[in-house]
Amino acid sequence: MFAVSPRLQGAGLGKVILMEAERLARETWGATEMHMTVISVRDDLIAWYERRGYRRTGRMTPFPYGDERFGVPQRDDLEFELLVKELA
């Protein structure tokens, strides 16, 4: 799970953390691809990741309704979309 406090968004912190996670995955584990899931209705967030080289796959997984580790959903149409980025 990755999030930046709303009051700190726009300062570049998310970009720095994401770049460091990609570097560590590549250098420590030899990863050639980064995978993540994002709530599919978060168009602004998906666009942010796309600007950083991630691409939408269209592969969806259900949102875990009833598991409050993911928050208490305010709508019933949530699902996760897989985003992928080549690291090599």
C-alpha atoms as a PDB file:
ATOM      1  CA  MET A   1       0.000   0.000   0.000  1.00  0.00           C
ATOM      2  CA  PHE A   2       1.401   3.375  -0.990  1.00  0.00           C
ATOM      3  CA  ALA A   3      -0.046   6.767  -0.207  1.00  0.00           C
ATOM      4  CA  VAL A   4       1.125  10.330   0.327  1.00  0.00           C
ATOM      5  CA  SER A   5      -0.718  12.552   2.778  1.00  0.00           C
ATOM      6  CA  PRO A   6      -3.038  14.912   0.877  1.00  0.00           C
ATOM      7  CA  ARG A   7      -1.366  17.928   2.472  1.00  0.00           C
ATOM      8  CA  LEU A   8       2.017  16.799   1.062  1.00  0.00           C
ATOM      9  CA  GLN A   9       0.809  15.881  -2.426  1.00  0.00           C
ATOM     10  CA  GLY A  10       2.212  17.923  -5.284  1.00  0.00           C
ATOM     11  CA  ALA A  11       5.636  18.339  -3.675  1.00  0.00           C
ATOM     12  CA  GLY A  12       7.267  15.446  -5.572  1.00  0.00           C
ATOM     13  CA  LEU A  13       7.458  13.073  -2.600  1.00  0.00           C
ATOM     14  CA  GLY A  14       5.414  10.327  -4.310  1.00  0.00           C
ATOM     15  CA  LYS A  15       7.608  10.488  -7.410  1.00  0.00           C
ATOM     16  CA  VAL A  16      10.788  10.162  -5.333  1.00  0.00           C
ATOM     17  CA  ILE A  17       9.446   7.212  -3.319  1.00  0.00           C
ATOM     18  CA  LEU A  18       8.190   5.440  -6.445  1.00  0.00           C
ATOM     19  CA  MET A  19      11.518   5.898  -8.253  1.00  0.00           C
ATOM     20  CA  GLU A  20      13.387   4.529  -5.236  1.00  0.00           C
ATOM     21  CA  ALA A  21      11.080   1.494  -5.017  1.00  0.00           C
ATOM     22  CA  GLU A  22      11.680   0.806  -8.725  1.00  0.00           C
ATOM     23  CA  ARG A  23      15.447   1.175  -8.279  1.00  0.00           C
ATOM     24  CA  LEU A  24      15.498  -1.191  -5.313  1.00  0.00           C
ATOM     25  CA  ALA A  25      13.359  -3.788  -7.118  1.00  0.00           C
ATOM     26  CA  ARG A  26      15.674  -3.643 -10.130  1.00  0.00           C
ATOM     27  CA  GLU A  27      19.004  -3.627  -8.242  1.00  0.00           C
ATOM     28  CA  THR A  28      18.143  -5.851  -5.267  1.00  0.00           C
ATOM     29  CA  TRP A  29      15.933  -8.482  -6.872  1.00  0.00           C
ATOM     30  CA  GLY A  30      16.776  -8.100 -10.555  1.00  0.00           C
ATOM     31  CA  ALA A  31      13.157  -7.215 -11.355  1.00  0.00           C
ATOM     32  CA  THR A  32      12.501  -6.289 -14.966  1.00  0.00           C
ATOM     33  CA  GLU A  33       8.881  -5.242 -14.464  1.00  0.00           C
ATOM     34  CA  MET A  34       6.935  -3.462 -11.774  1.00  0.00           C
ATOM     35  CA  HIS A  35       3.306  -4.466 -11.148  1.00  0.00           C
ATOM     36  CA  MET A  36       0.750  -2.623  -9.063  1.00  0.00           C
ATOM     37  CA  THR A  37      -2.978  -2.494  -8.643  1.00  0.00           C
ATOM     38  CA  VAL A  38      -4.952   0.736  -8.466  1.00  0.00           C
ATOM     39  CA  ILE A  39      -8.648   1.253  -7.836  1.00  0.00           C
ATOM     40  CA  SER A  40      -9.988   1.495 -11.382  1.00  0.00           C
ATOM     41  CA  VAL A  41     -12.232   4.531 -10.819  1.00  0.00           C
ATOM     42  CA  ARG A  42      -9.271   6.661  -9.704  1.00  0.00           C
ATOM     43  CA  ASP A  43      -8.651   8.168 -13.143  1.00  0.00           C
ATOM     44  CA  ASP A  44      -6.471  10.986 -11.767  1.00  0.00           C
ATOM     45  CA  LEU A  45      -4.235   8.531  -9.912  1.00  0.00           C
ATOM     46  CA  ILE A  46      -3.970   6.182 -12.890  1.00  0.00           C
ATOM     47  CA  ALA A  47      -3.009   9.164 -15.083  1.00  0.00           C
ATOM     48  CA  TRP A  48      -0.286  10.062 -12.538  1.00  0.00           C
ATOM     49  CA  TYR A  49       1.170   6.545 -12.828  1.00  0.00           C
ATOM     50  CA  GLU A  50       0.868   6.604 -16.627  1.00  0.00           C
ATOM     51  CA  ARG A  51       2.970   9.786 -16.692  1.00  0.00           C
ATOM     52  CA  ARG A  52       5.623   7.775 -14.853  1.00  0.00           C
ATOM     53  CA  GLY A  53       5.692   4.975 -17.427  1.00  0.00           C
ATOM     54  CA  TYR A  54       3.031   2.588 -16.127  1.00  0.00           C
ATOM     55  CA  ARG A  55       0.500   1.196 -18.564  1.00  0.00           C
ATOM     56  CA  ARG A  56      -3.022  -0.010 -18.029  1.00  0.00           C
ATOM     57  CA  THR A  57      -3.540  -3.711 -18.708  1.00  0.00           C
ATOM     58  CA  GLY A  58      -7.317  -3.939 -18.421  1.00  0.00           C
ATOM     59  CA  ARG A  59      -6.846  -6.872 -16.039  1.00  0.00           C
ATOM     60  CA  MET A  60      -9.211  -6.407 -13.116  1.00  0.00           C
ATOM     61  CA  THR A  61      -9.534  -8.061  -9.725  1.00  0.00           C
ATOM     62  CA  PRO A  62     -12.423  -7.618  -7.318  1.00  0.00           C
ATOM     63  CA  PHE A  63     -12.290  -5.095  -4.505  1.00  0.00           C
ATOM     64  CA  PRO A  64     -12.228  -6.931  -1.150  1.00  0.00           C
ATOM     65  CA  TYR A  65     -15.529  -5.661   0.220  1.00  0.00           C
ATOM     66  CA  GLY A  66     -15.829  -6.464   3.915  1.00  0.00           C
ATOM     67  CA  ASP A  67     -12.049  -6.322   4.539  1.00  0.00           C
ATOM     68  CA  GLU A  68     -11.572  -3.012   6.355  1.00  0.00           C
ATOM     69  CA  ARG A  69      -7.800  -3.097   5.811  1.00  0.00           C
ATOM     70  CA  PHE A  70      -8.677  -1.476   2.472  1.00  0.00           C
ATOM     71  CA  GLY A  71     -10.999   1.086   4.022  1.00  0.00           C
ATOM     72  CA  VAL A  72     -14.757   1.298   4.133  1.00  0.00           C
ATOM     73  CA  PRO A  73     -15.964   1.714   0.539  1.00  0.00           C
ATOM     74  CA  GLN A  74     -18.474   4.445  -0.245  1.00  0.00           C
ATOM     75  CA  ARG A  75     -19.613   2.824  -3.500  1.00  0.00           C
ATOM     76  CA  ASP A  76     -20.313  -0.666  -4.808  1.00  0.00           C
ATOM     77  CA  ASP A  77     -18.529  -0.569  -8.189  1.00  0.00           C
ATOM     78  CA  LEU A  78     -14.888  -0.755  -7.072  1.00  0.00           C
ATOM     79  CA  GLU A  79     -12.279  -3.074  -8.532  1.00  0.00           C
ATOM     80  CA  PHE A  80      -8.511  -3.054  -8.931  1.00  0.00           C
ATOM     81  CA  GLU A  81      -6.748  -2.656 -12.287  1.00  0.00           C
ATOM     82  CA  LEU A  82      -3.257  -4.025 -12.831  1.00  0.00           C
ATOM     83  CA  LEU A  83      -0.711  -1.448 -14.017  1.00  0.00           C
ATOM     84  CA  VAL A  84       2.704  -2.566 -15.343  1.00  0.00           C
ATOM     85  CA  LYS A  85       6.002  -0.792 -16.040  1.00  0.00           C
ATOM     86  CA  GLU A  86       9.109  -2.185 -17.705  1.00  0.00           C
ATOM     87  CA  LEU A  87      12.179  -1.560 -15.543  1.00  0.00           C
ATOM     88  CA  ALA A  88      14.929  -2.852 -17.818  1.00  0.00           C
END
